[in-house]
């Protein structure tokens, strides 16, 4: 049991490397300004484990909410519905488990008019 806990801890703290999942496309786009999005859609360069991945939306006051990730769809995409985003600046924080077993994370910002 202790070995499993250590393995999980290592996976959750693993540093990203070039061979791991890379974010190729995001909607809303990085640094975009526009209408409130209905969903966050992320596309990666390889298959990800959706059930072990997450998307968090943080508003300009630092209030964060985890968004429920859809488990269906293409294996290289991560999608989550956004329930009503008021005008302001937002940060998307994502974390995925790559097909190679490494945890990779990132963040980007967008603004809602």
Protein backbone atom coordinates (compact mmCIF):
# COMPACT_ATOMS: atom_id res chain seq x y z
CA UNK A 1 0.00 0.00 0.00
CA UNK A 2 2.86 2.38 0.84
CA UNK A 3 4.49 1.75 -2.56
CA UNK A 4 1.23 2.64 -4.28
CA UNK A 5 1.00 5.91 -2.33
CA UNK A 6 4.58 6.77 -3.29
CA UNK A 7 3.90 5.97 -6.95
CA UNK A 8 0.79 8.15 -6.99
CA UNK A 9 2.71 11.01 -5.33
CA UNK A 10 5.46 10.74 -7.95
CA UNK A 11 2.94 10.78 -10.79
CA UNK A 12 1.22 13.86 -9.39
CA UNK A 13 4.46 15.80 -9.02
CA UNK A 14 6.22 14.71 -12.22
CA UNK A 15 7.73 17.55 -14.21
CA UNK A 16 6.69 17.98 -17.84
CA UNK A 17 9.12 16.97 -20.58
CA UNK A 18 9.15 17.38 -24.34
CA UNK A 19 7.92 13.81 -24.99
CA UNK A 20 4.83 14.26 -22.82
CA UNK A 21 1.46 15.76 -23.69
CA UNK A 22 1.65 19.21 -25.22
CA UNK A 23 -1.32 21.56 -25.54
CA UNK A 24 -1.82 22.19 -29.27
CA UNK A 25 -5.07 24.16 -29.30
CA UNK A 26 -7.41 25.78 -26.80
CA UNK A 27 -10.87 27.29 -26.94
CA UNK A 28 -11.31 29.98 -25.83
CA UNK A 29 -7.92 30.80 -27.30
CA UNK A 30 -4.94 31.88 -25.25
CA UNK A 31 -5.19 35.62 -24.40
CA UNK A 32 -8.43 35.96 -26.36
CA UNK A 33 -11.13 38.55 -25.61
CA UNK A 34 -14.74 37.71 -26.40
CA UNK A 35 -18.14 36.44 -25.36
CA UNK A 36 -18.53 34.04 -22.44
CA UNK A 37 -17.51 30.53 -23.53
CA UNK A 38 -19.94 27.63 -23.22
CA UNK A 39 -17.05 25.22 -22.78
CA UNK A 40 -13.31 24.91 -22.39
CA UNK A 41 -11.91 22.71 -25.17
CA UNK A 42 -8.27 21.59 -25.11
CA UNK A 43 -6.48 19.51 -27.77
CA UNK A 44 -3.21 17.72 -27.07
CA UNK A 45 -0.54 16.08 -29.23
CA UNK A 46 -1.38 12.58 -27.94
CA UNK A 47 -3.95 10.51 -26.07
CA UNK A 48 -4.70 11.51 -22.49
CA UNK A 49 -6.42 9.70 -19.64
CA UNK A 50 -9.56 11.83 -19.27
CA UNK A 51 -10.78 10.26 -16.04
CA UNK A 52 -7.51 11.27 -14.36
CA UNK A 53 -7.33 14.77 -15.86
CA UNK A 54 -8.85 18.06 -14.77
CA UNK A 55 -9.72 21.61 -15.78
CA UNK A 56 -10.03 24.43 -13.26
CA UNK A 57 -11.33 27.93 -14.04
CA UNK A 58 -10.03 30.80 -11.88
CA UNK A 59 -11.57 34.28 -12.00
CA UNK A 60 -9.73 37.57 -11.49
CA UNK A 61 -10.53 37.50 -7.74
CA UNK A 62 -8.71 34.17 -7.44
CA UNK A 63 -11.89 32.15 -6.95
CA UNK A 64 -11.39 28.72 -8.50
CA UNK A 65 -13.88 26.09 -9.57
CA UNK A 66 -13.17 22.64 -10.90
CA UNK A 67 -15.13 21.96 -14.07
CA UNK A 68 -16.52 18.49 -14.75
CA UNK A 69 -14.53 16.94 -17.60
CA UNK A 70 -16.40 15.06 -20.34
CA UNK A 71 -15.10 11.50 -20.67
CA UNK A 72 -16.44 10.91 -24.19
CA UNK A 73 -15.07 12.25 -27.47
CA UNK A 74 -11.64 12.15 -29.10
CA UNK A 75 -8.83 10.64 -27.03
CA UNK A 76 -6.59 13.70 -27.49
CA UNK A 77 -9.18 16.25 -26.31
CA UNK A 78 -10.35 17.46 -22.94
CA UNK A 79 -13.65 19.35 -22.72
CA UNK A 80 -15.59 20.88 -19.83
CA UNK A 81 -18.79 22.93 -19.79
CA UNK A 82 -18.53 26.46 -18.38
CA UNK A 83 -21.63 27.46 -16.43
CA UNK A 84 -21.95 31.23 -16.95
CA UNK A 85 -18.78 33.28 -16.97
CA UNK A 86 -19.31 36.94 -16.02
CA UNK A 87 -17.23 39.66 -17.67
CA UNK A 88 -13.63 39.69 -16.48
CA UNK A 89 -10.28 37.97 -16.82
CA UNK A 90 -10.02 34.19 -16.31
CA UNK A 91 -7.24 31.66 -16.02
CA UNK A 92 -7.64 28.07 -17.21
CA UNK A 93 -5.51 25.59 -15.27
CA UNK A 94 -5.32 22.08 -16.69
CA UNK A 95 -3.67 18.87 -15.63
CA UNK A 96 -3.62 15.70 -17.71
CA UNK A 97 -2.27 12.22 -17.35
CA UNK A 98 -0.41 11.49 -20.58
CA UNK A 99 -0.59 8.15 -22.32
CA UNK A 100 3.08 7.69 -21.33
CA UNK A 101 2.07 7.84 -17.66
CA UNK A 102 3.37 11.33 -16.87
CA UNK A 103 1.30 14.13 -15.35
CA UNK A 104 1.55 17.40 -17.28
CA UNK A 105 -0.05 20.70 -16.36
CA UNK A 106 -0.36 24.20 -17.71
CA UNK A 107 -2.36 27.39 -17.64
CA UNK A 108 -3.44 30.25 -19.84
CA UNK A 109 -5.67 33.31 -19.61
CA UNK A 110 -8.60 34.75 -21.56
CA UNK A 111 -11.00 37.65 -21.03
CA UNK A 112 -14.79 37.76 -21.21
CA UNK A 113 -16.28 41.07 -22.40
